[in-house]
Amino acid sequence: MRFDKLDLNLLVALDALIGEQSVTGASKRLFLSQPAVTSALNRLRDYFGDELLVLEGRQMHSGE
């Protein structure tokens, strides 16, 4: 499903990424490969024009 050119399935990936604070954790939670979750994150970054989550060490944090 799409809303204003945003694939709403990407919001599921964003929720997992925020909850897990890691691509690996989110990929396990979603039963997807790490490259698939990384791709989803990149598409979200492009859509919102924001880094959203950035890697700091082994954890991801909001790009504030």
PDB file of N, CA and C in Angstrom:
ATOM      1  N   MET A   1       0.852  -1.167   0.000  1.00  0.00           N
ATOM      2  CA  MET A   1       0.000   0.000   0.000  1.00  0.00           C
ATOM      3  C   MET A   1       0.902   1.235   0.000  1.00  0.00           C
ATOM      4  N   ARG A   2       0.462   2.260  -0.679  1.00  0.00           N
ATOM      5  CA  ARG A   2       1.251   3.481  -0.771  1.00  0.00           C
ATOM      6  C   ARG A   2       0.436   4.676  -0.302  1.00  0.00           C
ATOM      7  N   PHE A   3       1.126   5.609   0.321  1.00  0.00           N
ATOM      8  CA  PHE A   3       0.530   6.861   0.761  1.00  0.00           C
ATOM      9  C   PHE A   3       1.466   7.965   0.316  1.00  0.00           C
ATOM     10  N   ASP A   4       1.017   8.780  -0.624  1.00  0.00           N
ATOM     11  CA  ASP A   4       1.835   9.872  -1.139  1.00  0.00           C
ATOM     12  C   ASP A   4       3.233   9.380  -1.527  1.00  0.00           C
ATOM     13  N   LYS A   5       3.262   8.294  -2.309  1.00  0.00           N
ATOM     14  CA  LYS A   5       4.485   7.688  -2.831  1.00  0.00           C
ATOM     15  C   LYS A   5       5.340   6.979  -1.777  1.00  0.00           C
ATOM     16  N   LEU A   6       4.855   6.847  -0.542  1.00  0.00           N
ATOM     17  CA  LEU A   6       5.578   6.104   0.499  1.00  0.00           C
ATOM     18  C   LEU A   6       4.979   4.715   0.599  1.00  0.00           C
ATOM     19  N   ASP A   7       5.811   3.708   0.447  1.00  0.00           N
ATOM     20  CA  ASP A   7       5.380   2.327   0.650  1.00  0.00           C
ATOM     21  C   ASP A   7       5.173   2.150   2.157  1.00  0.00           C
ATOM     22  N   LEU A   8       3.928   1.957   2.569  1.00  0.00           N
ATOM     23  CA  LEU A   8       3.626   1.892   4.005  1.00  0.00           C
ATOM     24  C   LEU A   8       4.265   0.684   4.684  1.00  0.00           C
ATOM     25  N   ASN A   9       4.670  -0.309   3.917  1.00  0.00           N
ATOM     26  CA  ASN A   9       5.388  -1.446   4.501  1.00  0.00           C
ATOM     27  C   ASN A   9       6.731  -1.002   5.092  1.00  0.00           C
ATOM     28  N   LEU A  10       7.266   0.103   4.595  1.00  0.00           N
ATOM     29  CA  LEU A  10       8.525   0.613   5.134  1.00  0.00           C
ATOM     30  C   LEU A  10       8.365   1.078   6.578  1.00  0.00           C
ATOM     31  N   LEU A  11       7.146   1.453   6.960  1.00  0.00           N
ATOM     32  CA  LEU A  11       6.918   1.886   8.343  1.00  0.00           C
ATOM     33  C   LEU A  11       7.062   0.724   9.320  1.00  0.00           C
ATOM     34  N   VAL A  12       6.767  -0.475   8.864  1.00  0.00           N
ATOM     35  CA  VAL A  12       6.981  -1.669   9.696  1.00  0.00           C
ATOM     36  C   VAL A  12       8.475  -1.843   9.936  1.00  0.00           C
ATOM     37  N   ALA A  13       9.259  -1.647   8.888  1.00  0.00           N
ATOM     38  CA  ALA A  13      10.716  -1.745   9.029  1.00  0.00           C
ATOM     39  C   ALA A  13      11.235  -0.650   9.946  1.00  0.00           C
ATOM     40  N   LEU A  14      10.710   0.566   9.804  1.00  0.00           N
ATOM     41  CA  LEU A  14      11.140   1.670  10.666  1.00  0.00           C
ATOM     42  C   LEU A  14      10.830   1.373  12.130  1.00  0.00           C
ATOM     43  N   ASP A  15       9.660   0.824  12.394  1.00  0.00           N
ATOM     44  CA  ASP A  15       9.292   0.461  13.772  1.00  0.00           C
ATOM     45  C   ASP A  15      10.271  -0.566  14.341  1.00  0.00           C
ATOM     46  N   ALA A  16      10.625  -1.561  13.541  1.00  0.00           N
ATOM     47  CA  ALA A  16      11.578  -2.582  14.000  1.00  0.00           C
ATOM     48  C   ALA A  16      12.960  -1.976  14.211  1.00  0.00           C
ATOM     49  N   LEU A  17      13.389  -1.105  13.306  1.00  0.00           N
ATOM     50  CA  LEU A  17      14.699  -0.459  13.449  1.00  0.00           C
ATOM     51  C   LEU A  17      14.754   0.404  14.706  1.00  0.00           C
ATOM     52  N   ILE A  18      13.710   1.149  14.977  1.00  0.00           N
ATOM     53  CA  ILE A  18      13.682   1.986  16.176  1.00  0.00           C
ATOM     54  C   ILE A  18      13.656   1.111  17.423  1.00  0.00           C
ATOM     55  N   GLY A  19      12.851   0.054  17.379  1.00  0.00           N
ATOM     56  CA  GLY A  19      12.746  -0.838  18.538  1.00  0.00           C
ATOM     57  C   GLY A  19      14.020  -1.600  18.832  1.00  0.00           C
ATOM     58  N   GLU A  20      14.676  -2.066  17.797  1.00  0.00           N
ATOM     59  CA  GLU A  20      15.874  -2.897  17.972  1.00  0.00           C
ATOM     60  C   GLU A  20      17.161  -2.080  18.018  1.00  0.00           C
ATOM     61  N   GLN A  21      17.143  -0.872  17.446  1.00  0.00           N
ATOM     62  CA  GLN A  21      18.336  -0.022  17.370  1.00  0.00           C
ATOM     63  C   GLN A  21      19.492  -0.711  16.656  1.00  0.00           C
ATOM     64  N   SER A  22      19.145  -1.604  15.721  1.00  0.00           N
ATOM     65  CA  SER A  22      20.176  -2.323  14.973  1.00  0.00           C
ATOM     66  C   SER A  22      19.546  -2.946  13.732  1.00  0.00           C
ATOM     67  N   VAL A  23      20.282  -2.925  12.640  1.00  0.00           N
ATOM     68  CA  VAL A  23      19.799  -3.552  11.403  1.00  0.00           C
ATOM     69  C   VAL A  23      19.712  -5.061  11.600  1.00  0.00           C
ATOM     70  N   THR A  24      20.699  -5.625  12.262  1.00  0.00           N
ATOM     71  CA  THR A  24      20.700  -7.077  12.500  1.00  0.00           C
ATOM     72  C   THR A  24      19.490  -7.488  13.326  1.00  0.00           C
ATOM     73  N   GLY A  25      19.232  -6.771  14.408  1.00  0.00           N
ATOM     74  CA  GLY A  25      18.082  -7.078  15.263  1.00  0.00           C
ATOM     75  C   GLY A  25      16.767  -6.904  14.525  1.00  0.00           C
ATOM     76  N   ALA A  26      16.667  -5.831  13.750  1.00  0.00           N
ATOM     77  CA  ALA A  26      15.442  -5.588  12.988  1.00  0.00           C
ATOM     78  C   ALA A  26      15.249  -6.668  11.928  1.00  0.00           C
ATOM     79  N   SER A  27      16.333  -7.095  11.288  1.00  0.00           N
ATOM     80  CA  SER A  27      16.199  -8.124  10.257  1.00  0.00           C
ATOM     81  C   SER A  27      15.724  -9.442  10.866  1.00  0.00           C
ATOM     82  N   LYS A  28      16.216  -9.783  12.042  1.00  0.00           N
ATOM     83  CA  LYS A  28      15.766 -11.003  12.720  1.00  0.00           C
ATOM     84  C   LYS A  28      14.297 -10.880  13.123  1.00  0.00           C
ATOM     85  N   ARG A  29      13.914  -9.728  13.627  1.00  0.00           N
ATOM     86  CA  ARG A  29      12.536  -9.492  14.058  1.00  0.00           C
ATOM     87  C   ARG A  29      11.562  -9.565  12.879  1.00  0.00           C
ATOM     88  N   LEU A  30      12.003  -9.084  11.709  1.00  0.00           N
ATOM     89  CA  LEU A  30      11.144  -9.045  10.536  1.00  0.00           C
ATOM     90  C   LEU A  30      11.276 -10.278   9.645  1.00  0.00           C
ATOM     91  N   PHE A  31      12.220 -11.165   9.984  1.00  0.00           N
ATOM     92  CA  PHE A  31      12.505 -12.349   9.172  1.00  0.00           C
ATOM     93  C   PHE A  31      12.900 -11.942   7.753  1.00  0.00           C
ATOM     94  N   LEU A  32      13.754 -10.915   7.665  1.00  0.00           N
ATOM     95  CA  LEU A  32      14.289 -10.426   6.403  1.00  0.00           C
ATOM     96  C   LEU A  32      15.812 -10.453   6.477  1.00  0.00           C
ATOM     97  N   SER A  33      16.455 -10.360   5.332  1.00  0.00           N
ATOM     98  CA  SER A  33      17.921 -10.292   5.324  1.00  0.00           C
ATOM     99  C   SER A  33      18.374  -8.895   5.757  1.00  0.00           C
ATOM    100  N   GLN A  34      19.615  -8.814   6.205  1.00  0.00           N
ATOM    101  CA  GLN A  34      20.184  -7.515   6.566  1.00  0.00           C
ATOM    102  C   GLN A  34      20.198  -6.559   5.379  1.00  0.00           C
ATOM    103  N   PRO A  35      20.581  -7.017   4.174  1.00  0.00           N
ATOM    104  CA  PRO A  35      20.537  -6.102   3.029  1.00  0.00           C
ATOM    105  C   PRO A  35      19.130  -5.565   2.738  1.00  0.00           C
ATOM    106  N   ALA A  36      18.114  -6.382   2.950  1.00  0.00           N
ATOM    107  CA  ALA A  36      16.737  -5.930   2.715  1.00  0.00           C
ATOM    108  C   ALA A  36      16.353  -4.827   3.696  1.00  0.00           C
ATOM    109  N   VAL A  37      16.758  -4.970   4.953  1.00  0.00           N
ATOM    110  CA  VAL A  37      16.443  -3.952   5.957  1.00  0.00           C
ATOM    111  C   VAL A  37      17.270  -2.693   5.707  1.00  0.00           C
ATOM    112  N   THR A  38      18.509  -2.862   5.310  1.00  0.00           N
ATOM    113  CA  THR A  38      19.335  -1.699   4.961  1.00  0.00           C
ATOM    114  C   THR A  38      18.721  -0.951   3.781  1.00  0.00           C
ATOM    115  N   SER A  39      18.234  -1.681   2.808  1.00  0.00           N
ATOM    116  CA  SER A  39      17.577  -1.061   1.665  1.00  0.00           C
ATOM    117  C   SER A  39      16.324  -0.303   2.092  1.00  0.00           C
ATOM    118  N   ALA A  40      15.545  -0.891   2.983  1.00  0.00           N
ATOM    119  CA  ALA A  40      14.346  -0.219   3.492  1.00  0.00           C
ATOM    120  C   ALA A  40      14.729   1.072   4.211  1.00  0.00           C
ATOM    121  N   LEU A  41      15.785   1.028   5.024  1.00  0.00           N
ATOM    122  CA  LEU A  41      16.244   2.218   5.736  1.00  0.00           C
ATOM    123  C   LEU A  41      16.689   3.292   4.746  1.00  0.00           C
ATOM    124  N   ASN A  42      17.401   2.896   3.712  1.00  0.00           N
ATOM    125  CA  ASN A  42      17.840   3.867   2.702  1.00  0.00           C
ATOM    126  C   ASN A  42      16.659   4.495   1.973  1.00  0.00           C
ATOM    127  N   ARG A  43      15.641   3.694   1.674  1.00  0.00           N
ATOM    128  CA  ARG A  43      14.452   4.242   1.018  1.00  0.00           C
ATOM    129  C   ARG A  43      13.705   5.196   1.945  1.00  0.00           C
ATOM    130  N   LEU A  44      13.653   4.893   3.239  1.00  0.00           N
ATOM    131  CA  LEU A  44      13.038   5.800   4.211  1.00  0.00           C
ATOM    132  C   LEU A  44      13.823   7.106   4.309  1.00  0.00           C
ATOM    133  N   ARG A  45      15.148   6.992   4.332  1.00  0.00           N
ATOM    134  CA  ARG A  45      15.999   8.187   4.385  1.00  0.00           C
ATOM    135  C   ARG A  45      15.756   9.077   3.161  1.00  0.00           C
ATOM    136  N   ASP A  46      15.667   8.459   1.998  1.00  0.00           N
ATOM    137  CA  ASP A  46      15.406   9.218   0.773  1.00  0.00           C
ATOM    138  C   ASP A  46      14.045   9.902   0.825  1.00  0.00           C
ATOM    139  N   TYR A  47      13.034   9.169   1.257  1.00  0.00           N
ATOM    140  CA  TYR A  47      11.681   9.723   1.286  1.00  0.00           C
ATOM    141  C   TYR A  47      11.582  10.918   2.238  1.00  0.00           C
ATOM    142  N   PHE A  48      12.124  10.759   3.440  1.00  0.00           N
ATOM    143  CA  PHE A  48      12.004  11.804   4.450  1.00  0.00           C
ATOM    144  C   PHE A  48      13.102  12.862   4.360  1.00  0.00           C
ATOM    145  N   GLY A  49      14.147  12.586   3.576  1.00  0.00           N
ATOM    146  CA  GLY A  49      15.242  13.542   3.457  1.00  0.00           C
ATOM    147  C   GLY A  49      15.967  13.739   4.777  1.00  0.00           C
ATOM    148  N   ASP A  50      16.120  12.654   5.526  1.00  0.00           N
ATOM    149  CA  ASP A  50      16.701  12.704   6.867  1.00  0.00           C
ATOM    150  C   ASP A  50      17.460  11.407   7.100  1.00  0.00           C
ATOM    151  N   GLU A  51      18.489  11.448   7.911  1.00  0.00           N
ATOM    152  CA  GLU A  51      19.234  10.220   8.211  1.00  0.00           C
ATOM    153  C   GLU A  51      18.434   9.246   9.074  1.00  0.00           C
ATOM    154  N   LEU A  52      17.461   9.738   9.815  1.00  0.00           N
ATOM    155  CA  LEU A  52      16.601   8.953  10.698  1.00  0.00           C
ATOM    156  C   LEU A  52      17.391   8.253  11.792  1.00  0.00           C
ATOM    157  N   LEU A  53      18.174   7.267  11.433  1.00  0.00           N
ATOM    158  CA  LEU A  53      18.988   6.522  12.394  1.00  0.00           C
ATOM    159  C   LEU A  53      20.415   6.478  11.875  1.00  0.00           C
ATOM    160  N   VAL A  54      21.369   6.721  12.767  1.00  0.00           N
ATOM    161  CA  VAL A  54      22.778   6.668  12.381  1.00  0.00           C
ATOM    162  C   VAL A  54      23.496   5.688  13.300  1.00  0.00           C
ATOM    163  N   LEU A  55      24.498   5.041  12.734  1.00  0.00           N
ATOM    164  CA  LEU A  55      25.269   4.058  13.479  1.00  0.00           C
ATOM    165  C   LEU A  55      26.284   4.752  14.376  1.00  0.00           C
ATOM    166  N   GLU A  56      26.241   4.409  15.641  1.00  0.00           N
ATOM    167  CA  GLU A  56      27.230   4.889  16.619  1.00  0.00           C
ATOM    168  C   GLU A  56      27.742   3.662  17.355  1.00  0.00           C
ATOM    169  N   GLY A  57      28.932   3.239  16.996  1.00  0.00           N
ATOM    170  CA  GLY A  57      29.448   1.984  17.553  1.00  0.00           C
ATOM    171  C   GLY A  57      28.678   0.833  16.935  1.00  0.00           C
ATOM    172  N   ARG A  58      28.002   0.069  17.784  1.00  0.00           N
ATOM    173  CA  ARG A  58      27.204  -1.053  17.292  1.00  0.00           C
ATOM    174  C   ARG A  58      25.710  -0.793  17.424  1.00  0.00           C
ATOM    175  N   GLN A  59      25.341   0.396  17.848  1.00  0.00           N
ATOM    176  CA  GLN A  59      23.936   0.756  18.031  1.00  0.00           C
ATOM    177  C   GLN A  59      23.546   1.882  17.088  1.00  0.00           C
ATOM    178  N   MET A  60      22.272   1.951  16.757  1.00  0.00           N
ATOM    179  CA  MET A  60      21.764   3.030  15.921  1.00  0.00           C
ATOM    180  C   MET A  60      21.010   4.003  16.827  1.00  0.00           C
ATOM    181  N   HIS A  61      21.162   5.286  16.531  1.00  0.00           N
ATOM    182  CA  HIS A  61      20.510   6.337  17.293  1.00  0.00           C
ATOM    183  C   HIS A  61      19.899   7.335  16.328  1.00  0.00           C
ATOM    184  N   SER A  62      18.927   8.086  16.825  1.00  0.00           N
ATOM    185  CA  SER A  62      18.327   9.107  15.961  1.00  0.00           C
ATOM    186  C   SER A  62      19.390  10.093  15.538  1.00  0.00           C
ATOM    187  N   GLY A  63      19.278  10.596  14.314  1.00  0.00           N
ATOM    188  CA  GLY A  63      20.286  11.476  13.742  1.00  0.00           C
ATOM    189  C   GLY A  63      20.137  12.914  14.181  1.00  0.00           C
ATOM    190  N   GLU A  64      19.934  13.147  15.458  1.00  0.00           N
ATOM    191  CA  GLU A  64      19.751  14.510  15.981  1.00  0.00           C
ATOM    192  C   GLU A  64      21.064  15.203  16.166  1.00  0.00           C
TER     193      GLU A  64
END
